[in-house]
Amino acid sequence: MRKNAFPAVVAVLGALLAGCGSAAESTKTSGEKKSSVVSGGQTSSSAVASSSTATSKAPESKLAVSDFGFTQLTGGEYLSPGVTYAVIVENPGSSIAEGVQLQVSFESASGSVIASDQHVITAILPGTKAAQAGYKHDIKDVATMKVQMMPGRSEALKDKPANFTVDGVASTKNDFGMKTVAMVTSPFTKDLKDVIVTAVYRDGANKIVGGDFTFLNFVPAGGNAAVTVDAINWEGEAPAATEVYATLSALSLLGD
């Protein structure tokens, strides 16, 4: 069943992208903000100054897997062993990369495949990074993690490159694992729903040791929203550093 799931995800993504607003339309930063979100009893209606003109042709995006890592967890007394992991993909180009596919494999010391996972990153804005993280249950003796990436298509960006910003990141250990809190701010002129927020954990040597993710219901146009990422399988103390990335999901591109 798992083997057939990934093509289905790609097909659904393609249908969503074809039947709704594009990433370039959803991430406009110039023009009047159009928001239906009420904050503090008032509705935002201010405008953002125009930043640049449209380009006639989209240069190809230049994607790279900039970092990844994992930790084998024992599961403790009550849970089964598993692996927490995270991958960071960078788009240093000047166009939006859409439908980026990732394949992750976990192997033993002898090179045998123990488990695998797949992801589709809906859109990576130019000059930014996106992250994917997860947890694989019921696997042990993982010695190596490998990542393969297949770039999707590129789309011209009509405005100056921008992205969500994330502030106030803090991770704390609790009885249920790890809790990460942050504030996500959007520079875009449209309310964006179902934003994927990924926490990436690093140790004292700046090595990625895992991560987790959640869906943020919405981020108001030109506004911000608080988010919590719970890594319920985390073992040990809080990481030395936490990075949080906010990216569009396929649902973010659906029309109103």
Protein backbone atom coordinates (compact mmCIF):
# COMPACT_ATOMS: atom_id res chain seq x y z
CA MET A 1 0.00 0.00 0.00
CA ARG A 2 2.77 2.42 0.92
CA LYS A 3 4.48 1.91 -2.44
CA ASN A 4 1.46 3.25 -4.31
CA ALA A 5 0.73 6.17 -2.01
CA PHE A 6 3.44 8.53 -3.24
CA PRO A 7 2.30 8.71 -6.91
CA ALA A 8 -1.20 9.40 -5.63
CA VAL A 9 0.07 12.30 -3.54
CA VAL A 10 1.84 13.75 -6.57
CA ALA A 11 -1.31 13.39 -8.68
CA VAL A 12 -3.41 15.17 -6.06
CA LEU A 13 -0.82 17.94 -5.79
CA GLY A 14 -0.89 18.41 -9.55
CA ALA A 15 -4.66 18.67 -9.55
CA LEU A 16 -4.60 21.23 -6.77
CA LEU A 17 -1.99 23.36 -8.50
CA ALA A 18 -3.92 23.21 -11.77
CA GLY A 19 -7.27 24.04 -10.22
CA CYS A 20 -6.42 26.85 -7.85
CA GLY A 21 -4.25 29.91 -7.43
CA SER A 22 -0.56 29.53 -8.22
CA ALA A 23 2.22 29.96 -5.70
CA ALA A 24 3.19 33.24 -7.36
CA GLU A 25 -0.35 34.57 -6.93
CA SER A 26 -0.57 33.40 -3.32
CA THR A 27 2.73 35.02 -2.36
CA LYS A 28 2.22 38.50 -3.79
CA THR A 29 3.67 41.21 -1.58
CA SER A 30 2.54 44.28 -3.52
CA GLY A 31 -0.90 45.82 -3.74
CA GLU A 32 -3.78 46.01 -1.33
CA LYS A 33 -3.98 43.45 1.43
CA LYS A 34 -7.13 41.35 1.19
CA SER A 35 -7.82 39.76 4.54
CA SER A 36 -10.98 38.47 6.18
CA VAL A 37 -9.22 37.90 9.50
CA VAL A 38 -10.46 40.00 12.40
CA SER A 39 -7.84 40.89 14.99
CA GLY A 40 -8.60 42.89 18.11
CA GLY A 41 -12.05 43.76 16.77
CA GLN A 42 -10.75 45.44 13.61
CA THR A 43 -10.24 44.18 10.05
CA SER A 44 -6.99 45.05 8.30
CA SER A 45 -7.36 47.09 5.12
CA SER A 46 -3.99 48.79 4.70
CA ALA A 47 -1.92 48.57 1.52
CA VAL A 48 1.65 47.52 0.78
CA ALA A 49 3.72 49.58 -1.64
CA SER A 50 4.66 47.99 -4.95
CA SER A 51 8.12 46.41 -4.82
CA SER A 52 9.07 45.40 -8.36
CA THR A 53 7.83 44.61 -11.84
CA ALA A 54 7.15 41.16 -13.24
CA THR A 55 9.86 39.23 -15.03
CA SER A 56 9.08 37.92 -18.49
CA LYS A 57 10.71 34.53 -17.99
CA ALA A 58 11.34 32.49 -14.87
CA PRO A 59 14.95 31.38 -14.43
CA GLU A 60 15.27 27.79 -13.32
CA SER A 61 15.35 27.27 -9.59
CA LYS A 62 18.64 25.92 -8.24
CA LEU A 63 17.72 23.51 -5.51
CA ALA A 64 20.05 21.78 -3.08
CA VAL A 65 19.63 19.55 -0.04
CA SER A 66 21.62 21.76 2.30
CA ASP A 67 21.46 19.61 5.45
CA PHE A 68 19.79 16.59 7.04
CA GLY A 69 20.14 14.34 10.05
CA PHE A 70 18.46 11.87 12.37
CA THR A 71 18.54 10.26 15.80
CA GLN A 72 17.71 6.66 16.63
CA LEU A 73 15.36 6.64 19.64
CA THR A 74 14.92 3.68 21.95
CA GLY A 75 11.25 4.28 22.74
CA GLY A 76 11.89 3.97 26.45
CA GLU A 77 9.75 1.77 28.66
CA TYR A 78 6.39 2.36 26.96
CA LEU A 79 7.04 3.16 23.28
CA SER A 80 8.61 1.24 20.41
CA PRO A 81 11.96 2.35 18.94
CA GLY A 82 11.95 4.80 16.07
CA VAL A 83 13.83 7.54 14.22
CA THR A 84 13.29 11.29 14.33
CA TYR A 85 14.72 13.15 11.34
CA ALA A 86 14.72 16.40 9.36
CA VAL A 87 15.78 17.60 5.90
CA ILE A 88 16.48 21.17 4.75
CA VAL A 89 16.19 22.14 1.06
CA GLU A 90 17.51 25.47 -0.21
CA ASN A 91 16.39 27.45 -3.27
CA PRO A 92 19.13 30.03 -4.04
CA GLY A 93 17.59 30.79 -7.43
CA SER A 94 15.25 33.63 -8.40
CA SER A 95 12.09 31.64 -9.22
CA ILE A 96 9.63 29.61 -7.16
CA ALA A 97 10.30 25.87 -7.08
CA GLU A 98 7.07 23.84 -7.00
CA GLY A 99 6.33 20.18 -6.39
CA VAL A 100 9.76 19.28 -5.04
CA GLN A 101 9.88 15.55 -4.23
CA LEU A 102 12.00 14.02 -1.48
CA GLN A 103 12.78 10.37 -0.81
CA VAL A 104 14.40 9.43 2.50
CA SER A 105 15.88 6.03 3.30
CA PHE A 106 17.17 4.61 6.58
CA GLU A 107 19.80 1.88 6.37
CA SER A 108 21.66 -0.46 8.68
CA ALA A 109 25.43 -0.54 9.10
CA SER A 110 25.58 -3.24 6.42
CA GLY A 111 23.64 -1.07 3.94
CA SER A 112 20.32 -2.88 4.17
CA VAL A 113 17.24 -0.68 3.88
CA ILE A 114 15.26 -0.63 7.12
CA ALA A 115 12.59 1.94 6.21
CA SER A 116 11.85 4.85 3.87
CA ASP A 117 9.70 7.95 3.72
CA GLN A 118 8.51 10.37 1.03
CA HIS A 119 7.56 14.05 0.98
CA VAL A 120 6.36 16.66 -1.50
CA ILE A 121 7.28 20.29 -0.81
CA THR A 122 4.55 22.35 -2.47
CA ALA A 123 6.63 25.49 -3.00
CA ILE A 124 10.03 26.88 -2.03
CA LEU A 125 10.27 30.61 -2.55
CA PRO A 126 13.43 32.06 -4.13
CA GLY A 127 16.33 32.77 -1.81
CA THR A 128 14.78 30.72 0.99
CA LYS A 129 14.90 27.32 2.65
CA ALA A 130 12.18 24.77 3.42
CA ALA A 131 12.27 21.86 5.83
CA GLN A 132 10.59 18.51 6.15
CA ALA A 133 10.68 16.43 9.32
CA GLY A 134 9.10 13.27 10.60
CA TYR A 135 9.19 10.23 12.84
CA LYS A 136 9.39 6.60 11.70
CA HIS A 137 7.84 4.19 14.17
CA ASP A 138 8.95 0.64 14.92
CA ILE A 139 12.45 0.73 13.41
CA LYS A 140 15.81 0.20 15.06
CA ASP A 141 19.50 -0.25 14.30
CA VAL A 142 19.54 2.67 11.83
CA ALA A 143 23.11 3.69 11.02
CA THR A 144 22.68 5.83 7.90
CA MET A 145 20.11 8.24 6.46
CA LYS A 146 20.10 9.05 2.73
CA VAL A 147 18.10 11.72 0.89
CA GLN A 148 17.15 11.94 -2.79
CA MET A 149 15.50 15.01 -4.32
CA MET A 150 13.67 15.54 -7.61
CA PRO A 151 13.00 19.21 -8.46
CA GLY A 152 9.58 20.07 -9.82
CA ARG A 153 8.74 23.01 -12.04
CA SER A 154 9.68 26.68 -11.75
CA GLU A 155 7.32 29.65 -11.72
CA ALA A 156 8.05 33.33 -12.27
CA LEU A 157 7.73 35.60 -9.26
CA LYS A 158 6.01 38.91 -9.95
CA ASP A 159 7.09 40.63 -6.75
CA LYS A 160 10.30 41.05 -4.82
CA PRO A 161 11.24 37.70 -3.20
CA ALA A 162 9.85 37.40 0.31
CA ASN A 163 9.00 34.68 2.77
CA PHE A 164 7.46 34.03 6.14
CA THR A 165 9.61 35.14 9.05
CA VAL A 166 9.74 33.25 12.33
CA ASP A 167 10.55 34.79 15.71
CA GLY A 168 10.38 33.86 19.37
CA VAL A 169 11.51 30.27 18.85
CA ALA A 170 11.83 28.30 22.09
CA SER A 171 11.96 24.55 22.79
CA THR A 172 11.31 22.96 26.16
CA LYS A 173 11.29 19.36 27.34
CA ASN A 174 8.16 18.13 29.09
CA ASP A 175 6.62 14.85 30.26
CA PHE A 176 5.28 14.15 26.76
CA GLY A 177 8.40 14.94 24.69
CA MET A 178 9.42 18.27 23.22
CA LYS A 179 7.40 21.46 22.76
CA THR A 180 8.51 24.22 20.39
CA VAL A 181 6.72 27.58 20.22
CA ALA A 182 7.19 30.38 17.69
CA MET A 183 5.53 33.35 15.99
CA VAL A 184 5.07 33.19 12.20
CA THR A 185 4.74 36.49 10.29
CA SER A 186 3.51 36.77 6.70
CA PRO A 187 4.52 39.57 4.27
CA PHE A 188 1.91 38.44 1.75
CA THR A 189 -1.30 40.23 0.75
CA LYS A 190 -3.51 37.15 1.07
CA ASP A 191 -4.60 35.10 4.08
CA LEU A 192 -2.80 31.78 3.83
CA LYS A 193 -4.31 28.63 5.31
CA ASP A 194 -2.81 25.30 6.33
CA VAL A 195 0.78 26.52 6.47
CA ILE A 196 3.27 23.77 7.33
CA VAL A 197 5.51 24.68 10.25
CA THR A 198 8.56 22.47 10.79
CA ALA A 199 10.89 22.47 13.79
CA VAL A 200 14.46 21.29 13.18
CA TYR A 201 16.58 20.34 16.18
CA ARG A 202 20.39 20.62 16.37
CA ASP A 203 22.93 19.46 18.92
CA GLY A 204 25.91 21.36 20.33
CA ALA A 205 27.98 20.55 17.23
CA ASN A 206 25.27 22.10 15.00
CA LYS A 207 24.31 18.68 13.67
CA ILE A 208 20.65 18.00 12.85
CA VAL A 209 19.35 15.44 15.34
CA GLY A 210 15.64 15.37 14.43
CA GLY A 211 12.49 17.42 14.07
CA ASP A 212 8.73 17.47 13.79
CA PHE A 213 5.97 19.50 12.14
CA THR A 214 2.41 20.74 12.42
CA PHE A 215 -0.17 22.59 10.33
CA LEU A 216 -0.89 26.21 11.27
CA ASN A 217 -4.57 26.88 10.52
CA PHE A 218 -3.92 30.27 8.94
CA VAL A 219 -1.64 33.29 8.89
CA PRO A 220 -3.42 36.63 8.23
CA ALA A 221 -2.35 38.77 5.30
CA GLY A 222 0.49 40.98 6.50
CA GLY A 223 0.01 39.64 10.02
CA ASN A 224 1.26 36.94 12.35
CA ALA A 225 0.13 33.82 14.18
CA ALA A 226 1.49 31.79 17.09
CA VAL A 227 2.27 28.11 16.59
CA THR A 228 3.25 25.10 18.71
CA VAL A 229 5.08 22.05 17.37
CA ASP A 230 4.90 18.98 19.63
CA ALA A 231 7.51 16.25 19.21
CA ILE A 232 5.89 13.64 21.43
CA ASN A 233 8.53 10.96 20.79
CA TRP A 234 11.53 13.08 21.78
CA GLU A 235 13.98 11.58 24.29
CA GLY A 236 16.60 13.33 26.38
CA GLU A 237 17.09 17.01 27.03
CA ALA A 238 16.09 19.98 24.87
CA PRO A 239 18.24 20.51 21.74
CA ALA A 240 21.06 23.03 21.75
CA ALA A 241 19.32 24.99 18.96
CA THR A 242 15.99 24.93 17.17
CA GLU A 243 15.19 26.28 13.70
CA VAL A 244 11.58 26.75 12.57
CA TYR A 245 10.51 26.92 8.92
CA ALA A 246 7.08 27.91 7.57
CA THR A 247 6.14 26.74 4.07
CA LEU A 248 3.05 26.58 1.88
CA SER A 249 1.08 23.37 1.65
CA ALA A 250 -1.04 22.31 -1.32
CA LEU A 251 -4.09 23.40 0.68
CA SER A 252 -2.57 26.89 1.07
CA LEU A 253 -3.02 27.46 -2.66
CA LEU A 254 -6.73 26.67 -2.76
CA GLY A 255 -8.94 29.60 -3.68
CA ASP A 256 -11.28 31.31 -1.25
